[in-house]
Amino acid sequence: MKEYDPLTPEEVNDAAKEFFPLFDIVHRNMPENCTVEDTIRVMETVCSMAQKRRAYDQGSVGPFGFNKKVDDGNETESKEEVAAE
């Protein structure tokens, strides 16, 4: 398939099955007179936050700054890594 091929009804149906339950969760928590556009904007923020929480909970947020692992000398550096420095 090429990038510009039209979507199939099955692909759209599968995407809708994923999207609308999430949309409904956010929409139920929104104020009464909010628009669909408002809900989608908030949904983007909520989903971004959920992705960050998932990464944190799974430990995939790597150590950085002073929390980096200390090199204990057991690993050997490749020539490419040394040349890059």
Protein backbone atom coordinates (compact mmCIF):
# COMPACT_ATOMS: atom_id res chain seq x y z
CA MET A 1 0.00 0.00 0.00
CA LYS A 2 1.12 3.48 -0.76
CA GLU A 3 0.88 6.34 1.69
CA TYR A 4 -1.81 8.10 -0.34
CA ASP A 5 -4.06 5.06 -0.89
CA PRO A 6 -7.57 5.64 0.45
CA LEU A 7 -8.46 4.04 3.74
CA THR A 8 -10.66 0.99 3.68
CA PRO A 9 -13.94 0.91 5.60
CA GLU A 10 -12.43 -1.76 7.85
CA GLU A 11 -9.48 0.47 8.72
CA VAL A 12 -11.78 3.38 9.56
CA ASN A 13 -14.04 1.08 11.58
CA ASP A 14 -11.07 -0.26 13.59
CA ALA A 15 -9.82 3.27 14.27
CA ALA A 16 -13.29 4.39 15.36
CA LYS A 17 -13.54 1.44 17.76
CA GLU A 18 -10.35 2.68 19.42
CA PHE A 19 -11.11 6.41 19.28
CA PHE A 20 -14.69 6.75 20.47
CA PRO A 21 -14.41 4.94 23.82
CA LEU A 22 -11.49 7.23 24.69
CA PHE A 23 -13.38 10.28 23.46
CA ASP A 24 -16.41 9.31 25.56
CA ILE A 25 -14.27 9.00 28.70
CA VAL A 26 -12.90 12.52 28.26
CA HIS A 27 -16.23 14.00 27.13
CA ARG A 28 -18.04 12.71 30.25
CA ASN A 29 -15.56 14.60 32.41
CA MET A 30 -15.91 17.87 30.51
CA PRO A 31 -18.16 20.77 31.61
CA GLU A 32 -21.73 20.72 30.33
CA ASN A 33 -21.58 23.23 27.49
CA CYS A 34 -18.25 22.23 25.98
CA THR A 35 -17.90 21.66 22.26
CA VAL A 36 -16.55 18.61 20.47
CA GLU A 37 -13.50 20.70 19.57
CA ASP A 38 -12.93 21.46 23.26
CA THR A 39 -13.14 17.78 24.08
CA ILE A 40 -10.68 16.84 21.34
CA ARG A 41 -8.18 19.45 22.54
CA VAL A 42 -8.44 18.17 26.10
CA MET A 43 -8.27 14.59 24.83
CA GLU A 44 -4.92 15.34 23.15
CA THR A 45 -3.54 16.59 26.45
CA VAL A 46 -4.97 13.68 28.43
CA CYS A 47 -3.60 11.10 25.97
CA SER A 48 -0.20 12.78 26.04
CA MET A 49 -0.24 12.60 29.82
CA ALA A 50 -1.29 8.94 29.68
CA GLN A 51 1.63 8.17 27.35
CA LYS A 52 4.07 9.86 29.75
CA ARG A 53 2.60 7.96 32.70
CA ARG A 54 2.87 4.68 30.79
CA ALA A 55 6.52 5.37 30.01
CA TYR A 56 7.19 6.27 33.65
CA ASP A 57 5.33 3.25 35.03
CA GLN A 58 7.17 0.89 32.68
CA GLY A 59 10.49 2.43 33.61
CA SER A 60 11.27 3.40 30.04
CA VAL A 61 11.98 6.96 31.09
CA GLY A 62 15.70 6.57 31.16
CA PRO A 63 18.03 7.88 33.75
CA PHE A 64 19.35 11.31 32.92
CA GLY A 65 21.47 13.98 34.51
CA PHE A 66 22.96 12.80 37.79
CA ASN A 67 20.88 9.61 37.70
CA LYS A 68 22.86 8.04 34.86
CA LYS A 69 24.33 4.62 35.47
CA VAL A 70 27.97 4.64 36.43
CA ASP A 71 30.26 2.87 33.99
CA ASP A 72 31.79 0.01 35.96
CA GLY A 73 34.36 -0.79 33.26
CA ASN A 74 32.86 -4.19 32.39
CA GLU A 75 31.67 -3.09 28.97
CA THR A 76 34.11 -2.47 26.17
CA GLU A 77 33.67 0.53 23.95
CA SER A 78 33.52 0.02 20.24
CA LYS A 79 35.87 1.91 17.95
CA GLU A 80 32.91 3.89 16.59
CA GLU A 81 31.93 5.12 20.05
CA VAL A 82 35.50 6.16 20.84
CA ALA A 83 35.85 7.92 17.48
CA ALA A 84 32.60 9.80 18.05
CA GLU A 85 33.96 11.30 21.26
